[in-house]
Amino acid sequence: MTEVVNSINGYGNFSASNTGVSSKVQNIIDEHNENKVKKEGKAPEIKNSNVFLSSRAQRISLLNIEFFRGGSLTNTDVNKLVERVYEFGLISKEDYSRLSGKSLDQQPSAKTETTKLVDFIDDFSARLKKSEKDDKGKDNDKQDKAGSKTVEKLTEALQQAKVILADVEQAKKQDNFKNLINQSITTLREVIDSSAFNKIPIDDRASLTNLGRSLEVIDKLSPQRLTNAKVNRYLDISLS
């Protein structure tokens, strides 16, 4: 939504499946469990023919090893992540096309390319907070209140995203995980789809876009959790 982006700009100038298991896939998983994979935490490359012999759960496990260990996902990694989940058959061709997205009108800095998304969230949130504090006391109370609300909404979405990216598997265990990730995705999508988005500096645009894409991939890889109420309802229906 335009309001969110306009509020950002108003708060100062930002600086920038088959269940059979192939031996090769199992070896990769065993290597991770026994040796913590490689020093940099990357999983070995594997061929598509072998990947598709593994279960969905094992393919997701390989993705976690390669991309999500210790909040290590960078801007550069997001394109690789989208490619990999498509190669693994975990998203549709339509999702792949949408998540690949349009190229930005400018190239972000080399530093931004290698920045971890969790670090970007910390930096961007701190700048939002500082700008909001600096802006207090100015005229136009109505605009200030509206701006504070939109910044608060965006800050909350960013913090939820950080918790998820810092430890994806742990975050998935939360009962409200689907609600949290969908709230973050929705807020980021409103920002990204706004016509005012292009007014944000290129490095921030790149990172916000990649953050949204990474959350959408995680959402696609996460099954819908059933609440106790839903489980009980299904049991009642099946036993009746």
C-alpha atoms as a PDB file:
ATOM      1  CA  MET A   1       0.000   0.000   0.000  1.00  0.00           C
ATOM      2  CA  THR A   2       1.112   3.468  -0.885  1.00  0.00           C
ATOM      3  CA  GLU A   3       0.657   4.673   2.695  1.00  0.00           C
ATOM      4  CA  VAL A   4       3.379   2.399   3.995  1.00  0.00           C
ATOM      5  CA  VAL A   5       5.923   3.441   1.387  1.00  0.00           C
ATOM      6  CA  ASN A   6       5.069   7.109   1.639  1.00  0.00           C
ATOM      7  CA  SER A   7       5.505   6.852   5.378  1.00  0.00           C
ATOM      8  CA  ILE A   8       8.920   5.259   4.919  1.00  0.00           C
ATOM      9  CA  ASN A   9      10.010   8.050   2.623  1.00  0.00           C
ATOM     10  CA  GLY A  10       8.690  10.606   5.076  1.00  0.00           C
ATOM     11  CA  TYR A  11      10.898   9.255   7.821  1.00  0.00           C
ATOM     12  CA  GLY A  12      14.177  10.498   6.483  1.00  0.00           C
ATOM     13  CA  ASN A  13      16.378   9.539   3.556  1.00  0.00           C
ATOM     14  CA  PHE A  14      17.605   5.995   3.872  1.00  0.00           C
ATOM     15  CA  SER A  15      21.104   5.009   3.105  1.00  0.00           C
ATOM     16  CA  ALA A  16      21.401   2.431   1.704  1.00  0.00           C
ATOM     17  CA  SER A  17       6.669 -37.712  -4.419  1.00  0.00           C
ATOM     18  CA  ASN A  18       8.397 -41.062  -4.247  1.00  0.00           C
ATOM     19  CA  THR A  19       9.373 -42.083  -0.699  1.00  0.00           C
ATOM     20  CA  GLY A  20      12.345 -44.100  -1.834  1.00  0.00           C
ATOM     21  CA  VAL A  21      15.720 -42.704  -0.768  1.00  0.00           C
ATOM     22  CA  SER A  22      18.704 -42.572  -3.089  1.00  0.00           C
ATOM     23  CA  SER A  23      22.048 -43.396  -1.509  1.00  0.00           C
ATOM     24  CA  LYS A  24      23.493 -40.073  -2.645  1.00  0.00           C
ATOM     25  CA  VAL A  25      20.765 -38.052  -0.937  1.00  0.00           C
ATOM     26  CA  GLN A  26      21.096 -40.147   2.209  1.00  0.00           C
ATOM     27  CA  ASN A  27      24.860 -39.615   2.188  1.00  0.00           C
ATOM     28  CA  ILE A  28      24.321 -35.869   2.085  1.00  0.00           C
ATOM     29  CA  ILE A  29      21.962 -36.021   5.053  1.00  0.00           C
ATOM     30  CA  ASP A  30      24.331 -38.290   6.972  1.00  0.00           C
ATOM     31  CA  GLU A  31      27.240 -35.968   6.240  1.00  0.00           C
ATOM     32  CA  HIS A  32      25.275 -33.051   7.647  1.00  0.00           C
ATOM     33  CA  ASN A  33      24.312 -34.928  10.804  1.00  0.00           C
ATOM     34  CA  GLU A  34      27.796 -36.235  11.496  1.00  0.00           C
ATOM     35  CA  ASN A  35      30.068 -33.463  10.240  1.00  0.00           C
ATOM     36  CA  LYS A  36      27.761 -30.383  10.241  1.00  0.00           C
ATOM     37  CA  VAL A  37      28.178 -30.355   6.458  1.00  0.00           C
ATOM     38  CA  LYS A  38      30.990 -28.079   5.316  1.00  0.00           C
ATOM     39  CA  LYS A  39      32.509 -25.212   7.239  1.00  0.00           C
ATOM     40  CA  GLU A  40      30.383 -22.645   5.401  1.00  0.00           C
ATOM     41  CA  GLY A  41      27.235 -24.695   5.945  1.00  0.00           C
ATOM     42  CA  LYS A  42      26.501 -25.407   2.294  1.00  0.00           C
ATOM     43  CA  ALA A  43      25.107 -28.716   1.118  1.00  0.00           C
ATOM     44  CA  PRO A  44      26.916 -30.553  -1.688  1.00  0.00           C
ATOM     45  CA  GLU A  45      25.480 -30.211  -5.186  1.00  0.00           C
ATOM     46  CA  ILE A  46      23.204 -33.048  -6.237  1.00  0.00           C
ATOM     47  CA  LYS A  47      21.653 -33.998  -9.557  1.00  0.00           C
ATOM     48  CA  ASN A  48      17.923 -33.590 -10.150  1.00  0.00           C
ATOM     49  CA  SER A  49      17.506 -37.285 -10.992  1.00  0.00           C
ATOM     50  CA  ASN A  50      18.703 -38.216  -7.517  1.00  0.00           C
ATOM     51  CA  VAL A  51      16.791 -35.467  -5.742  1.00  0.00           C
ATOM     52  CA  PHE A  52      13.461 -36.674  -7.074  1.00  0.00           C
ATOM     53  CA  LEU A  53      14.086 -40.087  -5.562  1.00  0.00           C
ATOM     54  CA  SER A  54      13.966 -38.518  -2.130  1.00  0.00           C
ATOM     55  CA  SER A  55      10.843 -37.614  -0.221  1.00  0.00           C
ATOM     56  CA  ARG A  56       9.503 -34.087  -0.006  1.00  0.00           C
ATOM     57  CA  ALA A  57      10.678 -33.893   3.607  1.00  0.00           C
ATOM     58  CA  GLN A  58      14.228 -34.827   2.630  1.00  0.00           C
ATOM     59  CA  ARG A  59      14.308 -32.279  -0.191  1.00  0.00           C
ATOM     60  CA  ILE A  60      13.189 -29.589   2.245  1.00  0.00           C
ATOM     61  CA  SER A  61      15.861 -30.789   4.672  1.00  0.00           C
ATOM     62  CA  LEU A  62      18.492 -30.269   1.989  1.00  0.00           C
ATOM     63  CA  LEU A  63      17.197 -26.763   1.356  1.00  0.00           C
ATOM     64  CA  ASN A  64      17.406 -25.987   5.062  1.00  0.00           C
ATOM     65  CA  ILE A  65      21.023 -27.128   5.097  1.00  0.00           C
ATOM     66  CA  GLU A  66      21.937 -25.099   2.030  1.00  0.00           C
ATOM     67  CA  PHE A  67      20.055 -21.866   2.670  1.00  0.00           C
ATOM     68  CA  PHE A  68      18.616 -21.504   6.151  1.00  0.00           C
ATOM     69  CA  ARG A  69      21.279 -22.495   8.649  1.00  0.00           C
ATOM     70  CA  GLY A  70      21.682 -19.840  11.334  1.00  0.00           C
ATOM     71  CA  GLY A  71      19.951 -17.041   9.429  1.00  0.00           C
ATOM     72  CA  SER A  72      22.631 -17.095   6.737  1.00  0.00           C
ATOM     73  CA  LEU A  73      20.385 -16.305   3.729  1.00  0.00           C
ATOM     74  CA  THR A  74      21.751 -13.352   1.718  1.00  0.00           C
ATOM     75  CA  ASN A  75      20.262 -11.285  -1.093  1.00  0.00           C
ATOM     76  CA  THR A  76      22.292 -13.240  -3.635  1.00  0.00           C
ATOM     77  CA  ASP A  77      21.061 -16.534  -2.199  1.00  0.00           C
ATOM     78  CA  VAL A  78      17.395 -15.745  -2.846  1.00  0.00           C
ATOM     79  CA  ASN A  79      17.653 -16.249  -6.622  1.00  0.00           C
ATOM     80  CA  LYS A  80      19.433 -19.550  -6.022  1.00  0.00           C
ATOM     81  CA  LEU A  81      16.741 -20.552  -3.514  1.00  0.00           C
ATOM     82  CA  VAL A  82      13.936 -19.918  -5.999  1.00  0.00           C
ATOM     83  CA  GLU A  83      15.804 -21.888  -8.667  1.00  0.00           C
ATOM     84  CA  ARG A  84      16.448 -24.774  -6.302  1.00  0.00           C
ATOM     85  CA  VAL A  85      12.889 -25.185  -5.010  1.00  0.00           C
ATOM     86  CA  TYR A  86      11.680 -25.237  -8.606  1.00  0.00           C
ATOM     87  CA  GLU A  87      14.324 -27.786  -9.616  1.00  0.00           C
ATOM     88  CA  PHE A  88      13.252 -29.901  -6.630  1.00  0.00           C
ATOM     89  CA  GLY A  89       9.638 -29.819  -7.830  1.00  0.00           C
ATOM     90  CA  LEU A  90       8.438 -28.022  -4.686  1.00  0.00           C
ATOM     91  CA  ILE A  91       6.781 -25.056  -6.414  1.00  0.00           C
ATOM     92  CA  SER A  92       4.755 -24.790  -9.608  1.00  0.00           C
ATOM     93  CA  LYS A  93       5.902 -23.210 -12.846  1.00  0.00           C
ATOM     94  CA  GLU A  94       3.525 -20.310 -12.146  1.00  0.00           C
ATOM     95  CA  ASP A  95       5.003 -19.758  -8.679  1.00  0.00           C
ATOM     96  CA  TYR A  96       8.504 -19.944 -10.116  1.00  0.00           C
ATOM     97  CA  SER A  97       7.683 -17.325 -12.739  1.00  0.00           C
ATOM     98  CA  ARG A  98       6.107 -15.015 -10.149  1.00  0.00           C
ATOM     99  CA  LEU A  99       8.873 -15.441  -7.563  1.00  0.00           C
ATOM    100  CA  SER A 100      11.562 -14.882 -10.179  1.00  0.00           C
ATOM    101  CA  GLY A 101       9.978 -11.459 -10.595  1.00  0.00           C
ATOM    102  CA  LYS A 102      11.065  -8.432 -12.567  1.00  0.00           C
ATOM    103  CA  SER A 103      14.567  -7.066 -12.502  1.00  0.00           C
ATOM    104  CA  LEU A 104      15.111  -3.842 -10.597  1.00  0.00           C
ATOM    105  CA  ASP A 105      15.785  -0.735 -12.662  1.00  0.00           C
ATOM    106  CA  GLN A 106      19.207  -0.403 -11.021  1.00  0.00           C
ATOM    107  CA  GLN A 107      21.832  -2.756  -9.685  1.00  0.00           C
ATOM    108  CA  PRO A 108      22.146  -2.822  -5.884  1.00  0.00           C
ATOM    109  CA  SER A 109      25.577  -2.379  -4.372  1.00  0.00           C
ATOM    110  CA  ALA A 110      27.961  -5.306  -4.024  1.00  0.00           C
ATOM    111  CA  LYS A 111      27.698  -4.980  -0.253  1.00  0.00           C
ATOM    112  CA  THR A 112      23.919  -5.352  -0.406  1.00  0.00           C
ATOM    113  CA  GLU A 113      24.210  -8.473  -2.561  1.00  0.00           C
ATOM    114  CA  THR A 114      26.161 -10.255   0.173  1.00  0.00           C
ATOM    115  CA  THR A 115      24.208  -8.841   3.122  1.00  0.00           C
ATOM    116  CA  LYS A 116      22.305 -11.351   5.233  1.00  0.00           C
ATOM    117  CA  LEU A 117      18.608 -10.565   5.245  1.00  0.00           C
ATOM    118  CA  VAL A 118      18.453 -10.792   9.048  1.00  0.00           C
ATOM    119  CA  ASP A 119      21.184  -8.131   9.224  1.00  0.00           C
ATOM    120  CA  PHE A 120      19.287  -5.943   6.770  1.00  0.00           C
ATOM    121  CA  ILE A 121      16.200  -6.207   8.978  1.00  0.00           C
ATOM    122  CA  ASP A 122      18.173  -4.990  12.007  1.00  0.00           C
ATOM    123  CA  ASP A 123      19.682  -2.095  10.078  1.00  0.00           C
ATOM    124  CA  PHE A 124      16.481  -1.050   8.325  1.00  0.00           C
ATOM    125  CA  SER A 125      14.403  -1.281  11.524  1.00  0.00           C
ATOM    126  CA  ALA A 126      16.950   0.821  13.414  1.00  0.00           C
ATOM    127  CA  ARG A 127      16.805   3.503  10.719  1.00  0.00           C
ATOM    128  CA  LEU A 128      13.010   3.497  10.831  1.00  0.00           C
ATOM    129  CA  LYS A 129      13.037   3.883  14.602  1.00  0.00           C
ATOM    130  CA  LYS A 130      15.611   6.683  14.531  1.00  0.00           C
ATOM    131  CA  SER A 131      13.782   8.567  11.786  1.00  0.00           C
ATOM    132  CA  GLU A 132      10.483   8.253  13.629  1.00  0.00           C
ATOM    133  CA  LYS A 133      12.065   9.584  16.815  1.00  0.00           C
ATOM    134  CA  ASP A 134      13.670  12.488  14.953  1.00  0.00           C
ATOM    135  CA  ASP A 135      10.346  13.328  13.313  1.00  0.00           C
ATOM    136  CA  LYS A 136       8.422  13.631  16.578  1.00  0.00           C
ATOM    137  CA  GLY A 137       7.468  17.106  17.633  1.00  0.00           C
ATOM    138  CA  LYS A 138       6.899  18.332  14.086  1.00  0.00           C
ATOM    139  CA  ASP A 139       3.598  19.802  12.890  1.00  0.00           C
ATOM    140  CA  ASN A 140       0.770  17.906  11.214  1.00  0.00           C
ATOM    141  CA  ASP A 141      -0.247  15.552  14.018  1.00  0.00           C
ATOM    142  CA  LYS A 142      -2.683  13.636  11.805  1.00  0.00           C
ATOM    143  CA  GLN A 143       0.030  12.723   9.337  1.00  0.00           C
ATOM    144  CA  ASP A 144       2.414  11.846  12.166  1.00  0.00           C
ATOM    145  CA  LYS A 145      -0.120   9.451  13.690  1.00  0.00           C
ATOM    146  CA  ALA A 146      -0.869   7.792  10.356  1.00  0.00           C
ATOM    147  CA  GLY A 147       2.838   7.511   9.615  1.00  0.00           C
ATOM    148  CA  SER A 148       3.554   6.008  13.036  1.00  0.00           C
ATOM    149  CA  LYS A 149       0.892   3.350  12.466  1.00  0.00           C
ATOM    150  CA  THR A 150       2.258   2.300   9.096  1.00  0.00           C
ATOM    151  CA  VAL A 151       5.841   2.260  10.360  1.00  0.00           C
ATOM    152  CA  GLU A 152       4.730   0.198  13.352  1.00  0.00           C
ATOM    153  CA  LYS A 153       3.039  -2.286  11.020  1.00  0.00           C
ATOM    154  CA  LEU A 154       6.106  -2.579   8.813  1.00  0.00           C
ATOM    155  CA  THR A 155       8.442  -2.896  11.805  1.00  0.00           C
ATOM    156  CA  GLU A 156       6.308  -5.711  13.218  1.00  0.00           C
ATOM    157  CA  ALA A 157       6.373  -7.521   9.869  1.00  0.00           C
ATOM    158  CA  LEU A 158      10.156  -7.173   9.687  1.00  0.00           C
ATOM    159  CA  GLN A 159      10.647  -8.550  13.195  1.00  0.00           C
ATOM    160  CA  GLN A 160       8.392 -11.511  12.453  1.00  0.00           C
ATOM    161  CA  ALA A 161      10.406 -12.150   9.289  1.00  0.00           C
ATOM    162  CA  LYS A 162      13.647 -12.027  11.274  1.00  0.00           C
ATOM    163  CA  VAL A 163      12.418 -14.649  13.739  1.00  0.00           C
ATOM    164  CA  ILE A 164      11.476 -16.922  10.839  1.00  0.00           C
ATOM    165  CA  LEU A 165      14.728 -16.499   8.894  1.00  0.00           C
ATOM    166  CA  ALA A 166      16.892 -16.861  12.006  1.00  0.00           C
ATOM    167  CA  ASP A 167      15.623 -20.419  12.530  1.00  0.00           C
ATOM    168  CA  VAL A 168      13.068 -21.584   9.977  1.00  0.00           C
ATOM    169  CA  GLU A 169      12.469 -25.022  11.455  1.00  0.00           C
ATOM    170  CA  GLN A 170      11.988 -23.666  14.966  1.00  0.00           C
ATOM    171  CA  ALA A 171       9.637 -20.960  13.710  1.00  0.00           C
ATOM    172  CA  LYS A 172       7.496 -23.561  11.932  1.00  0.00           C
ATOM    173  CA  LYS A 173       6.765 -25.195  15.293  1.00  0.00           C
ATOM    174  CA  GLN A 174       4.808 -22.170  16.489  1.00  0.00           C
ATOM    175  CA  ASP A 175       1.049 -22.691  16.432  1.00  0.00           C
ATOM    176  CA  ASN A 176       0.531 -19.278  14.826  1.00  0.00           C
ATOM    177  CA  PHE A 177       3.363 -19.658  12.299  1.00  0.00           C
ATOM    178  CA  LYS A 178       1.096 -19.483   9.239  1.00  0.00           C
ATOM    179  CA  ASN A 179      -0.601 -16.350  10.507  1.00  0.00           C
ATOM    180  CA  LEU A 180       2.722 -14.656  11.281  1.00  0.00           C
ATOM    181  CA  ILE A 181       4.353 -15.428   7.954  1.00  0.00           C
ATOM    182  CA  ASN A 182       1.227 -14.461   6.008  1.00  0.00           C
ATOM    183  CA  GLN A 183       1.007 -11.140   7.866  1.00  0.00           C
ATOM    184  CA  SER A 184       4.633 -10.387   7.016  1.00  0.00           C
ATOM    185  CA  ILE A 185       4.184 -11.407   3.378  1.00  0.00           C
ATOM    186  CA  THR A 186       1.042  -9.287   3.031  1.00  0.00           C
ATOM    187  CA  THR A 187       2.666  -6.172   4.500  1.00  0.00           C
ATOM    188  CA  LEU A 188       5.789  -6.539   2.369  1.00  0.00           C
ATOM    189  CA  ARG A 189       3.715  -7.184  -0.736  1.00  0.00           C
ATOM    190  CA  GLU A 190       1.725  -3.994  -0.106  1.00  0.00           C
ATOM    191  CA  VAL A 191       4.971  -2.060   0.087  1.00  0.00           C
ATOM    192  CA  ILE A 192       6.517  -3.698  -2.979  1.00  0.00           C
ATOM    193  CA  ASP A 193       3.383  -3.382  -5.148  1.00  0.00           C
ATOM    194  CA  SER A 194       2.936   0.290  -4.333  1.00  0.00           C
ATOM    195  CA  SER A 195       3.683   2.829  -7.038  1.00  0.00           C
ATOM    196  CA  ALA A 196       5.677   4.744  -4.427  1.00  0.00           C
ATOM    197  CA  PHE A 197       8.073   1.818  -3.969  1.00  0.00           C
ATOM    198  CA  ASN A 198      10.474   3.182  -6.574  1.00  0.00           C
ATOM    199  CA  LYS A 199      11.135   6.192  -4.348  1.00  0.00           C
ATOM    200  CA  ILE A 200      12.933   3.969  -1.852  1.00  0.00           C
ATOM    201  CA  PRO A 201      16.722   3.680  -2.344  1.00  0.00           C
ATOM    202  CA  ILE A 202      17.759   0.767  -4.558  1.00  0.00           C
ATOM    203  CA  ASP A 203      19.568  -1.201  -1.844  1.00  0.00           C
ATOM    204  CA  ASP A 204      16.514  -1.132   0.398  1.00  0.00           C
ATOM    205  CA  ARG A 205      14.237  -2.026  -2.516  1.00  0.00           C
ATOM    206  CA  ALA A 206      16.395  -5.025  -3.383  1.00  0.00           C
ATOM    207  CA  SER A 207      16.487  -6.286   0.192  1.00  0.00           C
ATOM    208  CA  LEU A 208      12.757  -5.781   0.839  1.00  0.00           C
ATOM    209  CA  THR A 209      11.939  -7.557  -2.428  1.00  0.00           C
ATOM    210  CA  ASN A 210      14.215 -10.488  -1.620  1.00  0.00           C
ATOM    211  CA  LEU A 211      12.855 -10.664   1.904  1.00  0.00           C
ATOM    212  CA  GLY A 212       9.326 -10.985   0.547  1.00  0.00           C
ATOM    213  CA  ARG A 213      10.383 -13.628  -1.975  1.00  0.00           C
ATOM    214  CA  SER A 214      12.202 -15.702   0.639  1.00  0.00           C
ATOM    215  CA  LEU A 215       9.183 -15.651   2.971  1.00  0.00           C
ATOM    216  CA  GLU A 216       6.904 -16.743   0.132  1.00  0.00           C
ATOM    217  CA  VAL A 217       9.193 -19.690  -0.606  1.00  0.00           C
ATOM    218  CA  ILE A 218       9.206 -20.690   3.073  1.00  0.00           C
ATOM    219  CA  ASP A 219       5.421 -20.410   3.142  1.00  0.00           C
ATOM    220  CA  LYS A 220       5.162 -22.677   0.094  1.00  0.00           C
ATOM    221  CA  LEU A 221       7.368 -25.263   1.821  1.00  0.00           C
ATOM    222  CA  SER A 222       5.373 -25.167   5.062  1.00  0.00           C
ATOM    223  CA  PRO A 223       2.293 -27.382   5.475  1.00  0.00           C
ATOM    224  CA  GLN A 224      -0.823 -25.905   7.022  1.00  0.00           C
ATOM    225  CA  ARG A 225      -0.835 -26.612  10.748  1.00  0.00           C
ATOM    226  CA  LEU A 226      -4.049 -27.988  12.197  1.00  0.00           C
ATOM    227  CA  THR A 227      -5.357 -26.470  15.412  1.00  0.00           C
ATOM    228  CA  ASN A 228      -6.764 -28.735  18.118  1.00  0.00           C
ATOM    229  CA  ALA A 229     -10.232 -27.491  17.223  1.00  0.00           C
ATOM    230  CA  LYS A 230      -9.782 -28.529  13.587  1.00  0.00           C
ATOM    231  CA  VAL A 231      -8.340 -31.908  14.554  1.00  0.00           C
ATOM    232  CA  ASN A 232     -11.283 -32.567  16.871  1.00  0.00           C
ATOM    233  CA  ARG A 233     -13.735 -31.515  14.155  1.00  0.00           C
ATOM    234  CA  TYR A 234     -12.126 -33.882  11.626  1.00  0.00           C
ATOM    235  CA  LEU A 235     -12.183 -36.705  14.168  1.00  0.00           C
ATOM    236  CA  ASP A 236     -15.858 -36.085  14.894  1.00  0.00           C
ATOM    237  CA  ILE A 237     -16.672 -36.215  11.174  1.00  0.00           C
ATOM    238  CA  SER A 238     -14.590 -39.347  10.521  1.00  0.00           C
ATOM    239  CA  LEU A 239     -15.987 -41.230  13.510  1.00  0.00           C
ATOM    240  CA  SER A 240     -19.616 -40.250  12.972  1.00  0.00           C
END
